[in-house]
Amino acid sequence: MTAACHYAIVRFMPFVETGEFANVGVILFAPKDRFFGFKLQTKRHARITNFFNQLDGAVFRAVMRQAREELQRVAEELKPIGMDRRLKSFDQTAAMALWHELTKPLASVLRVSEPRILMTDNAQAKLNELFSFYVERDFVTKEYQEKILLRAVQGILRKVGKADDFHQMKIGDEGYSATFPLVNANAEDEPLKIIKPLSLVHADASQILDHGAAWQHRIRTLQRRELLPAPVLVAVEGRLEDDTRQAAARREVVEGFRELNVQVVPSTDEPAIEEFALRSA
């Protein structure tokens, strides 16, 4: 049967002055099921240290070790009051008091979100699900990222009254074709200008290179077959300046597009995107 459980998100906030934080764990307490569990980000910490690029990675690892030790201590304190089911009785009042104490800040750079309540029939599975959603962001697929980026670029076009001029369109012939999300075409459906928003925000450099290469292949193939007469602008999302493998991969992707005579600009460069959209075909 489903039962109410309490959960909270563990947040890493190394620079309290800015208020920026990253979700790094989930704590879940199901009193009816006598369940207390937690999951913390301990292995894949590159996204944290990349975001807080002024932070030494050793600091993050040390903070997470302390958090794990604290949560394990709480789990041990819950055992004598019946949480581990070795006792018939369970002091739920004492357990709730510990939960409320726990949802205060764990350390100077860790914060815990306001506790939330949900219903579940499997506390452990729900903990894993919440961790995947809030920490690993399993819903953020490549397609999801590019949809968000596409909406942002459409917003830029809307500002200059050009949103209605660009639509999704398949370009090519029966032998080869590719679908572009933003194509400005004439009355005969001949493409005049093409904008391709391209998200290169991936944790792995290989994914960045593979994603960029896929679109380079499409454009190169269309050009070779003389099926792409229109100028193309690629609006790239992802930092290029950092001294990281990911940034190096993005720079390689950008250079590959430029070798194809494709204009490449950061997705945040609104003036460049506006100028391209307004330019006479």
C-alpha atoms as a PDB file:
ATOM      1  CA  MET A   1       0.000   0.000   0.000  1.00  0.00           C
ATOM      2  CA  THR A   2       1.123   3.538  -0.631  1.00  0.00           C
ATOM      3  CA  ALA A   3       2.316   5.537   2.343  1.00  0.00           C
ATOM      4  CA  ALA A   4       3.468   9.090   2.921  1.00  0.00           C
ATOM      5  CA  CYS A   5       7.186   9.730   2.959  1.00  0.00           C
ATOM      6  CA  HIS A   6       9.265  12.819   3.513  1.00  0.00           C
ATOM      7  CA  TYR A   7      12.188  13.800   1.340  1.00  0.00           C
ATOM      8  CA  ALA A   8      14.602  16.688   0.923  1.00  0.00           C
ATOM      9  CA  ILE A   9      17.224  17.682  -1.626  1.00  0.00           C
ATOM     10  CA  VAL A  10      20.814  18.139  -0.492  1.00  0.00           C
ATOM     11  CA  ARG A  11      22.324  21.224  -2.118  1.00  0.00           C
ATOM     12  CA  PHE A  12      25.967  22.226  -2.481  1.00  0.00           C
ATOM     13  CA  MET A  13      26.457  25.979  -2.115  1.00  0.00           C
ATOM     14  CA  PRO A  14      30.175  26.803  -1.893  1.00  0.00           C
ATOM     15  CA  PHE A  15      29.720  30.540  -2.432  1.00  0.00           C
ATOM     16  CA  VAL A  16      26.916  31.586  -0.130  1.00  0.00           C
ATOM     17  CA  GLU A  17      27.261  35.188  -1.308  1.00  0.00           C
ATOM     18  CA  THR A  18      25.901  34.380  -4.778  1.00  0.00           C
ATOM     19  CA  GLY A  19      23.197  31.951  -3.679  1.00  0.00           C
ATOM     20  CA  GLU A  20      24.150  29.514  -6.468  1.00  0.00           C
ATOM     21  CA  PHE A  21      23.800  25.838  -5.660  1.00  0.00           C
ATOM     22  CA  ALA A  22      23.875  22.381  -7.221  1.00  0.00           C
ATOM     23  CA  ASN A  23      21.759  19.408  -6.184  1.00  0.00           C
ATOM     24  CA  VAL A  24      24.081  16.714  -4.849  1.00  0.00           C
ATOM     25  CA  GLY A  25      21.847  14.292  -2.977  1.00  0.00           C
ATOM     26  CA  VAL A  26      18.452  13.181  -1.742  1.00  0.00           C
ATOM     27  CA  ILE A  27      17.330  12.113   1.750  1.00  0.00           C
ATOM     28  CA  LEU A  28      14.120  10.164   2.193  1.00  0.00           C
ATOM     29  CA  PHE A  29      12.257   9.195   5.377  1.00  0.00           C
ATOM     30  CA  ALA A  30       9.163   6.969   5.357  1.00  0.00           C
ATOM     31  CA  PRO A  31       8.017   6.586   8.985  1.00  0.00           C
ATOM     32  CA  LYS A  32       5.208   4.121   8.272  1.00  0.00           C
ATOM     33  CA  ASP A  33       7.619   1.820   6.432  1.00  0.00           C
ATOM     34  CA  ARG A  34      10.395   2.495   8.971  1.00  0.00           C
ATOM     35  CA  PHE A  35      12.663   3.522   6.141  1.00  0.00           C
ATOM     36  CA  PHE A  36      15.466   6.057   6.159  1.00  0.00           C
ATOM     37  CA  GLY A  37      17.798   6.333   3.199  1.00  0.00           C
ATOM     38  CA  PHE A  38      19.971   8.731   1.274  1.00  0.00           C
ATOM     39  CA  LYS A  39      21.962   8.954  -1.938  1.00  0.00           C
ATOM     40  CA  LEU A  40      24.774  11.414  -2.527  1.00  0.00           C
ATOM     41  CA  GLN A  41      26.764  12.456  -5.579  1.00  0.00           C
ATOM     42  CA  THR A  42      30.217  11.030  -4.896  1.00  0.00           C
ATOM     43  CA  LYS A  43      31.645   9.746  -8.187  1.00  0.00           C
ATOM     44  CA  ARG A  44      30.527  11.899 -11.108  1.00  0.00           C
ATOM     45  CA  HIS A  45      31.483  15.242  -9.616  1.00  0.00           C
ATOM     46  CA  ALA A  46      32.902  16.886 -12.764  1.00  0.00           C
ATOM     47  CA  ARG A  47      29.642  18.755 -13.427  1.00  0.00           C
ATOM     48  CA  ILE A  48      29.902  20.322  -9.958  1.00  0.00           C
ATOM     49  CA  THR A  49      33.539  21.373 -10.217  1.00  0.00           C
ATOM     50  CA  ASN A  50      33.006  22.573 -13.804  1.00  0.00           C
ATOM     51  CA  PHE A  51      30.104  24.757 -12.678  1.00  0.00           C
ATOM     52  CA  PHE A  52      32.020  26.124  -9.688  1.00  0.00           C
ATOM     53  CA  ASN A  53      35.242  26.351 -11.688  1.00  0.00           C
ATOM     54  CA  GLN A  54      37.061  28.354  -9.011  1.00  0.00           C
ATOM     55  CA  LEU A  55      36.589  25.533  -6.529  1.00  0.00           C
ATOM     56  CA  ASP A  56      39.193  22.860  -5.822  1.00  0.00           C
ATOM     57  CA  GLY A  57      37.656  19.438  -6.488  1.00  0.00           C
ATOM     58  CA  ALA A  58      39.213  18.153  -3.266  1.00  0.00           C
ATOM     59  CA  VAL A  59      37.013  20.547  -1.299  1.00  0.00           C
ATOM     60  CA  PHE A  60      33.848  19.098  -2.833  1.00  0.00           C
ATOM     61  CA  ARG A  61      34.960  15.525  -2.169  1.00  0.00           C
ATOM     62  CA  ALA A  62      35.768  16.351   1.449  1.00  0.00           C
ATOM     63  CA  VAL A  63      32.395  18.013   1.999  1.00  0.00           C
ATOM     64  CA  MET A  64      30.574  15.017   0.532  1.00  0.00           C
ATOM     65  CA  ARG A  65      32.530  12.627   2.771  1.00  0.00           C
ATOM     66  CA  GLN A  66      31.465  14.649   5.799  1.00  0.00           C
ATOM     67  CA  ALA A  67      27.857  14.640   4.602  1.00  0.00           C
ATOM     68  CA  ARG A  68      27.887  10.863   4.185  1.00  0.00           C
ATOM     69  CA  GLU A  69      29.344  10.412   7.664  1.00  0.00           C
ATOM     70  CA  GLU A  70      26.658  12.679   9.144  1.00  0.00           C
ATOM     71  CA  LEU A  71      23.833  10.857   7.393  1.00  0.00           C
ATOM     72  CA  GLN A  72      25.202   7.485   8.405  1.00  0.00           C
ATOM     73  CA  ARG A  73      25.339   8.739  11.999  1.00  0.00           C
ATOM     74  CA  VAL A  74      21.654   9.701  11.793  1.00  0.00           C
ATOM     75  CA  ALA A  75      20.809   6.262  10.395  1.00  0.00           C
ATOM     76  CA  GLU A  76      22.558   4.679  13.380  1.00  0.00           C
ATOM     77  CA  GLU A  77      20.660   6.906  15.817  1.00  0.00           C
ATOM     78  CA  LEU A  78      17.382   5.772  14.279  1.00  0.00           C
ATOM     79  CA  LYS A  79      18.069   2.082  14.840  1.00  0.00           C
ATOM     80  CA  PRO A  80      17.586   2.002  18.648  1.00  0.00           C
ATOM     81  CA  ILE A  81      14.128   3.588  18.330  1.00  0.00           C
ATOM     82  CA  GLY A  82      12.919   0.866  15.968  1.00  0.00           C
ATOM     83  CA  MET A  83      13.757   2.090  12.452  1.00  0.00           C
ATOM     84  CA  ASP A  84      15.506  -1.148  11.463  1.00  0.00           C
ATOM     85  CA  ARG A  85      12.495  -3.290  12.548  1.00  0.00           C
ATOM     86  CA  ARG A  86      14.474  -5.339  15.068  1.00  0.00           C
ATOM     87  CA  LEU A  87      12.196  -3.874  17.715  1.00  0.00           C
ATOM     88  CA  LYS A  88       8.429  -4.309  17.646  1.00  0.00           C
ATOM     89  CA  SER A  89       7.866  -0.752  18.759  1.00  0.00           C
ATOM     90  CA  PHE A  90       8.859   2.355  16.831  1.00  0.00           C
ATOM     91  CA  ASP A  91       9.149   5.775  18.404  1.00  0.00           C
ATOM     92  CA  GLN A  92       7.843   7.813  15.485  1.00  0.00           C
ATOM     93  CA  THR A  93       7.881  11.058  17.487  1.00  0.00           C
ATOM     94  CA  ALA A  94      11.599  10.724  18.177  1.00  0.00           C
ATOM     95  CA  ALA A  95      12.239   9.768  14.564  1.00  0.00           C
ATOM     96  CA  MET A  96      10.384  12.838  13.305  1.00  0.00           C
ATOM     97  CA  ALA A  97      12.397  15.012  15.676  1.00  0.00           C
ATOM     98  CA  LEU A  98      15.595  13.625  14.166  1.00  0.00           C
ATOM     99  CA  TRP A  99      14.216  14.251  10.668  1.00  0.00           C
ATOM    100  CA  HIS A 100      13.450  17.884  11.469  1.00  0.00           C
ATOM    101  CA  GLU A 101      16.908  18.309  12.921  1.00  0.00           C
ATOM    102  CA  LEU A 102      18.452  16.728   9.862  1.00  0.00           C
ATOM    103  CA  THR A 103      16.768  19.076   7.438  1.00  0.00           C
ATOM    104  CA  LYS A 104      18.703  21.977   8.873  1.00  0.00           C
ATOM    105  CA  PRO A 105      22.017  22.866   7.123  1.00  0.00           C
ATOM    106  CA  LEU A 106      24.435  19.919   7.225  1.00  0.00           C
ATOM    107  CA  ALA A 107      27.542  22.079   6.926  1.00  0.00           C
ATOM    108  CA  SER A 108      28.595  25.584   5.993  1.00  0.00           C
ATOM    109  CA  VAL A 109      28.476  24.857   2.260  1.00  0.00           C
ATOM    110  CA  LEU A 110      25.615  22.333   2.293  1.00  0.00           C
ATOM    111  CA  ARG A 111      21.953  23.200   2.483  1.00  0.00           C
ATOM    112  CA  VAL A 112      18.862  21.048   2.595  1.00  0.00           C
ATOM    113  CA  SER A 113      15.714  22.030   0.752  1.00  0.00           C
ATOM    114  CA  GLU A 114      12.394  22.461   2.485  1.00  0.00           C
ATOM    115  CA  PRO A 115      11.066  18.966   3.257  1.00  0.00           C
ATOM    116  CA  ARG A 116       8.476  17.666   0.828  1.00  0.00           C
ATOM    117  CA  ILE A 117       5.919  14.864   1.068  1.00  0.00           C
ATOM    118  CA  LEU A 118       4.851  12.287  -1.493  1.00  0.00           C
ATOM    119  CA  MET A 119       3.107   8.926  -1.581  1.00  0.00           C
ATOM    120  CA  THR A 120       4.881   5.729  -2.565  1.00  0.00           C
ATOM    121  CA  ASP A 121       4.639   1.981  -2.125  1.00  0.00           C
ATOM    122  CA  ASN A 122       8.409   1.470  -2.435  1.00  0.00           C
ATOM    123  CA  ALA A 123      10.601   3.886  -0.522  1.00  0.00           C
ATOM    124  CA  GLN A 124      13.934   2.607  -1.844  1.00  0.00           C
ATOM    125  CA  ALA A 125      12.779   2.749  -5.455  1.00  0.00           C
ATOM    126  CA  LYS A 126      11.387   6.241  -4.910  1.00  0.00           C
ATOM    127  CA  LEU A 127      14.712   7.363  -3.425  1.00  0.00           C
ATOM    128  CA  ASN A 128      16.537   6.099  -6.524  1.00  0.00           C
ATOM    129  CA  GLU A 129      13.982   7.803  -8.768  1.00  0.00           C
ATOM    130  CA  LEU A 130      14.291  11.147  -6.970  1.00  0.00           C
ATOM    131  CA  PHE A 131      18.084  10.977  -7.122  1.00  0.00           C
ATOM    132  CA  SER A 132      17.996  10.283 -10.858  1.00  0.00           C
ATOM    133  CA  PHE A 133      15.659  13.227 -11.403  1.00  0.00           C
ATOM    134  CA  TYR A 134      17.072  15.908  -9.105  1.00  0.00           C
ATOM    135  CA  VAL A 135      20.781  15.043  -9.137  1.00  0.00           C
ATOM    136  CA  GLU A 136      21.514  13.078 -12.284  1.00  0.00           C
ATOM    137  CA  ARG A 137      18.791  14.917 -14.243  1.00  0.00           C
ATOM    138  CA  ASP A 138      17.944  11.842 -16.273  1.00  0.00           C
ATOM    139  CA  PHE A 139      15.169  13.774 -18.031  1.00  0.00           C
ATOM    140  CA  VAL A 140      17.731  16.080 -19.643  1.00  0.00           C
ATOM    141  CA  THR A 141      18.388  14.184 -22.844  1.00  0.00           C
ATOM    142  CA  LYS A 142      20.161  15.616 -25.862  1.00  0.00           C
ATOM    143  CA  GLU A 143      16.751  16.174 -27.423  1.00  0.00           C
ATOM    144  CA  TYR A 144      15.473  17.966 -24.298  1.00  0.00           C
ATOM    145  CA  GLN A 145      18.466  20.324 -24.243  1.00  0.00           C
ATOM    146  CA  GLU A 146      18.045  21.220 -27.884  1.00  0.00           C
ATOM    147  CA  LYS A 147      14.319  21.897 -27.476  1.00  0.00           C
ATOM    148  CA  ILE A 148      15.132  24.418 -24.739  1.00  0.00           C
ATOM    149  CA  LEU A 149      17.830  25.972 -26.927  1.00  0.00           C
ATOM    150  CA  LEU A 150      15.459  26.096 -29.894  1.00  0.00           C
ATOM    151  CA  ARG A 151      12.888  28.007 -27.840  1.00  0.00           C
ATOM    152  CA  ALA A 152      15.590  30.467 -26.774  1.00  0.00           C
ATOM    153  CA  VAL A 153      16.620  31.137 -30.378  1.00  0.00           C
ATOM    154  CA  GLN A 154      12.974  31.466 -31.407  1.00  0.00           C
ATOM    155  CA  GLY A 155      12.654  34.085 -28.678  1.00  0.00           C
ATOM    156  CA  ILE A 156      15.499  36.061 -30.263  1.00  0.00           C
ATOM    157  CA  LEU A 157      13.788  35.854 -33.667  1.00  0.00           C
ATOM    158  CA  ARG A 158      10.517  36.976 -32.121  1.00  0.00           C
ATOM    159  CA  LYS A 159      12.167  40.136 -30.794  1.00  0.00           C
ATOM    160  CA  VAL A 160      12.986  41.233 -34.340  1.00  0.00           C
ATOM    161  CA  GLY A 161       9.687  40.084 -35.832  1.00  0.00           C
ATOM    162  CA  LYS A 162      11.153  37.118 -37.687  1.00  0.00           C
ATOM    163  CA  ALA A 163       9.800  34.151 -35.701  1.00  0.00           C
ATOM    164  CA  ASP A 164       7.020  33.498 -38.211  1.00  0.00           C
ATOM    165  CA  ASP A 165       9.515  33.458 -41.084  1.00  0.00           C
ATOM    166  CA  PHE A 166      11.449  30.427 -39.831  1.00  0.00           C
ATOM    167  CA  HIS A 167       9.937  26.940 -39.691  1.00  0.00           C
ATOM    168  CA  GLN A 168      11.041  23.327 -39.490  1.00  0.00           C
ATOM    169  CA  MET A 169      11.787  21.973 -42.934  1.00  0.00           C
ATOM    170  CA  LYS A 170      13.284  18.901 -44.580  1.00  0.00           C
ATOM    171  CA  ILE A 171      15.981  19.819 -47.065  1.00  0.00           C
ATOM    172  CA  GLY A 172      17.294  17.464 -49.750  1.00  0.00           C
ATOM    173  CA  ASP A 173      15.867  14.939 -52.147  1.00  0.00           C
ATOM    174  CA  GLU A 174      14.865  11.286 -52.189  1.00  0.00           C
ATOM    175  CA  GLY A 175      18.522  10.281 -52.110  1.00  0.00           C
ATOM    176  CA  TYR A 176      19.450  12.255 -49.007  1.00  0.00           C
ATOM    177  CA  SER A 177      17.744  14.766 -46.742  1.00  0.00           C
ATOM    178  CA  ALA A 178      18.026  16.346 -43.314  1.00  0.00           C
ATOM    179  CA  THR A 179      15.480  18.211 -41.213  1.00  0.00           C
ATOM    180  CA  PHE A 180      16.454  21.628 -39.880  1.00  0.00           C
ATOM    181  CA  PRO A 181      14.385  23.312 -37.145  1.00  0.00           C
ATOM    182  CA  LEU A 182      14.582  26.903 -38.413  1.00  0.00           C
ATOM    183  CA  VAL A 183      14.444  27.476 -42.151  1.00  0.00           C
ATOM    184  CA  ASN A 184      13.457  30.664 -43.950  1.00  0.00           C
ATOM    185  CA  ALA A 185      12.054  29.657 -47.347  1.00  0.00           C
ATOM    186  CA  ASN A 186      10.497  31.495 -50.269  1.00  0.00           C
ATOM    187  CA  ALA A 187       7.057  30.924 -51.788  1.00  0.00           C
ATOM    188  CA  GLU A 188       8.410  27.948 -53.786  1.00  0.00           C
ATOM    189  CA  ASP A 189       9.719  26.307 -50.576  1.00  0.00           C
ATOM    190  CA  GLU A 190      13.301  26.981 -51.580  1.00  0.00           C
ATOM    191  CA  PRO A 191      15.448  27.548 -48.481  1.00  0.00           C
ATOM    192  CA  LEU A 192      16.875  31.041 -48.181  1.00  0.00           C
ATOM    193  CA  LYS A 193      18.470  30.898 -44.718  1.00  0.00           C
ATOM    194  CA  ILE A 194      18.922  28.173 -42.115  1.00  0.00           C
ATOM    195  CA  ILE A 195      19.527  28.420 -38.372  1.00  0.00           C
ATOM    196  CA  LYS A 196      20.526  25.309 -36.453  1.00  0.00           C
ATOM    197  CA  PRO A 197      20.628  25.655 -32.638  1.00  0.00           C
ATOM    198  CA  LEU A 198      23.175  23.094 -31.415  1.00  0.00           C
ATOM    199  CA  SER A 199      23.615  22.160 -27.765  1.00  0.00           C
ATOM    200  CA  LEU A 200      27.123  20.954 -26.949  1.00  0.00           C
ATOM    201  CA  VAL A 201      26.543  20.811 -23.203  1.00  0.00           C
ATOM    202  CA  HIS A 202      27.587  17.250 -22.423  1.00  0.00           C
ATOM    203  CA  ALA A 203      29.668  15.879 -19.571  1.00  0.00           C
ATOM    204  CA  ASP A 204      31.715  13.699 -21.913  1.00  0.00           C
ATOM    205  CA  ALA A 205      33.931  15.203 -24.633  1.00  0.00           C
ATOM    206  CA  SER A 206      33.220  12.248 -26.923  1.00  0.00           C
ATOM    207  CA  GLN A 207      29.498  13.039 -26.861  1.00  0.00           C
ATOM    208  CA  ILE A 208      30.257  16.620 -27.875  1.00  0.00           C
ATOM    209  CA  LEU A 209      32.396  15.497 -30.793  1.00  0.00           C
ATOM    210  CA  ASP A 210      29.885  12.863 -31.910  1.00  0.00           C
ATOM    211  CA  HIS A 211      26.938  15.261 -31.807  1.00  0.00           C
ATOM    212  CA  GLY A 212      28.831  17.946 -33.698  1.00  0.00           C
ATOM    213  CA  ALA A 213      30.119  15.440 -36.257  1.00  0.00           C
ATOM    214  CA  ALA A 214      26.588  14.197 -36.962  1.00  0.00           C
ATOM    215  CA  TRP A 215      25.446  17.663 -38.038  1.00  0.00           C
ATOM    216  CA  GLN A 216      28.664  18.337 -39.922  1.00  0.00           C
ATOM    217  CA  HIS A 217      28.045  15.134 -41.876  1.00  0.00           C
ATOM    218  CA  ARG A 218      24.498  16.209 -42.760  1.00  0.00           C
ATOM    219  CA  ILE A 219      25.590  19.637 -43.953  1.00  0.00           C
ATOM    220  CA  ARG A 220      28.630  18.300 -45.821  1.00  0.00           C
ATOM    221  CA  THR A 221      26.543  15.670 -47.583  1.00  0.00           C
ATOM    222  CA  LEU A 222      23.892  18.190 -48.630  1.00  0.00           C
ATOM    223  CA  GLN A 223      26.576  20.573 -49.878  1.00  0.00           C
ATOM    224  CA  ARG A 224      28.335  17.850 -51.858  1.00  0.00           C
ATOM    225  CA  ARG A 225      25.059  16.931 -53.536  1.00  0.00           C
ATOM    226  CA  GLU A 226      24.353  20.633 -54.176  1.00  0.00           C
ATOM    227  CA  LEU A 227      21.177  20.420 -52.116  1.00  0.00           C
ATOM    228  CA  LEU A 228      22.049  23.162 -49.634  1.00  0.00           C
ATOM    229  CA  PRO A 229      22.233  26.499 -51.451  1.00  0.00           C
ATOM    230  CA  ALA A 230      21.202  28.574 -48.460  1.00  0.00           C
ATOM    231  CA  PRO A 231      23.581  30.100 -45.906  1.00  0.00           C
ATOM    232  CA  VAL A 232      23.631  28.285 -42.564  1.00  0.00           C
ATOM    233  CA  LEU A 233      24.143  29.684 -39.079  1.00  0.00           C
ATOM    234  CA  VAL A 234      24.842  27.309 -36.190  1.00  0.00           C
ATOM    235  CA  ALA A 235      24.068  28.768 -32.755  1.00  0.00           C
ATOM    236  CA  VAL A 236      26.219  26.776 -30.333  1.00  0.00           C
ATOM    237  CA  GLU A 237      25.431  26.323 -26.647  1.00  0.00           C
ATOM    238  CA  GLY A 238      28.414  25.538 -24.431  1.00  0.00           C
ATOM    239  CA  ARG A 239      31.453  27.373 -23.110  1.00  0.00           C
ATOM    240  CA  LEU A 240      34.393  27.513 -25.509  1.00  0.00           C
ATOM    241  CA  GLU A 241      36.957  29.396 -23.444  1.00  0.00           C
ATOM    242  CA  ASP A 242      37.470  26.993 -20.531  1.00  0.00           C
ATOM    243  CA  ASP A 243      40.591  24.869 -20.143  1.00  0.00           C
ATOM    244  CA  THR A 244      38.652  21.596 -20.131  1.00  0.00           C
ATOM    245  CA  ARG A 245      38.322  18.572 -22.403  1.00  0.00           C
ATOM    246  CA  GLN A 246      34.724  19.557 -23.053  1.00  0.00           C
ATOM    247  CA  ALA A 247      35.630  23.083 -24.174  1.00  0.00           C
ATOM    248  CA  ALA A 248      38.422  21.727 -26.384  1.00  0.00           C
ATOM    249  CA  ALA A 249      35.912  19.376 -28.022  1.00  0.00           C
ATOM    250  CA  ARG A 250      33.494  22.255 -28.614  1.00  0.00           C
ATOM    251  CA  ARG A 251      36.246  24.317 -30.245  1.00  0.00           C
ATOM    252  CA  GLU A 252      37.020  21.373 -32.534  1.00  0.00           C
ATOM    253  CA  VAL A 253      33.341  21.136 -33.509  1.00  0.00           C
ATOM    254  CA  VAL A 254      33.174  24.876 -34.218  1.00  0.00           C
ATOM    255  CA  GLU A 255      36.280  24.694 -36.424  1.00  0.00           C
ATOM    256  CA  GLY A 256      34.728  21.800 -38.344  1.00  0.00           C
ATOM    257  CA  PHE A 257      31.646  23.872 -39.147  1.00  0.00           C
ATOM    258  CA  ARG A 258      33.726  26.838 -40.235  1.00  0.00           C
ATOM    259  CA  GLU A 259      35.623  24.608 -42.656  1.00  0.00           C
ATOM    260  CA  LEU A 260      32.216  23.979 -44.263  1.00  0.00           C
ATOM    261  CA  ASN A 261      31.702  27.764 -44.621  1.00  0.00           C
ATOM    262  CA  VAL A 262      29.026  27.662 -41.935  1.00  0.00           C
ATOM    263  CA  GLN A 263      28.689  30.697 -39.690  1.00  0.00           C
ATOM    264  CA  VAL A 264      29.024  29.730 -36.027  1.00  0.00           C
ATOM    265  CA  VAL A 265      28.061  31.976 -33.122  1.00  0.00           C
ATOM    266  CA  PRO A 266      27.377  31.398 -29.420  1.00  0.00           C
ATOM    267  CA  SER A 267      23.674  30.841 -28.769  1.00  0.00           C
ATOM    268  CA  THR A 268      23.835  33.831 -26.409  1.00  0.00           C
ATOM    269  CA  ASP A 269      25.056  36.201 -29.151  1.00  0.00           C
ATOM    270  CA  GLU A 270      21.681  37.807 -29.816  1.00  0.00           C
ATOM    271  CA  PRO A 271      22.988  40.589 -32.120  1.00  0.00           C
ATOM    272  CA  ALA A 272      24.664  38.040 -34.433  1.00  0.00           C
ATOM    273  CA  ILE A 273      21.539  35.877 -34.633  1.00  0.00           C
ATOM    274  CA  GLU A 274      19.352  38.925 -35.207  1.00  0.00           C
ATOM    275  CA  GLU A 275      21.666  40.227 -37.953  1.00  0.00           C
ATOM    276  CA  PHE A 276      21.596  36.844 -39.713  1.00  0.00           C
ATOM    277  CA  ALA A 277      17.817  36.681 -39.539  1.00  0.00           C
ATOM    278  CA  LEU A 278      17.386  40.223 -40.868  1.00  0.00           C
ATOM    279  CA  ARG A 279      20.061  39.959 -43.572  1.00  0.00           C
ATOM    280  CA  SER A 280      18.757  39.951 -47.158  1.00  0.00           C
ATOM    281  CA  ALA A 281      18.878  36.475 -48.681  1.00  0.00           C
END
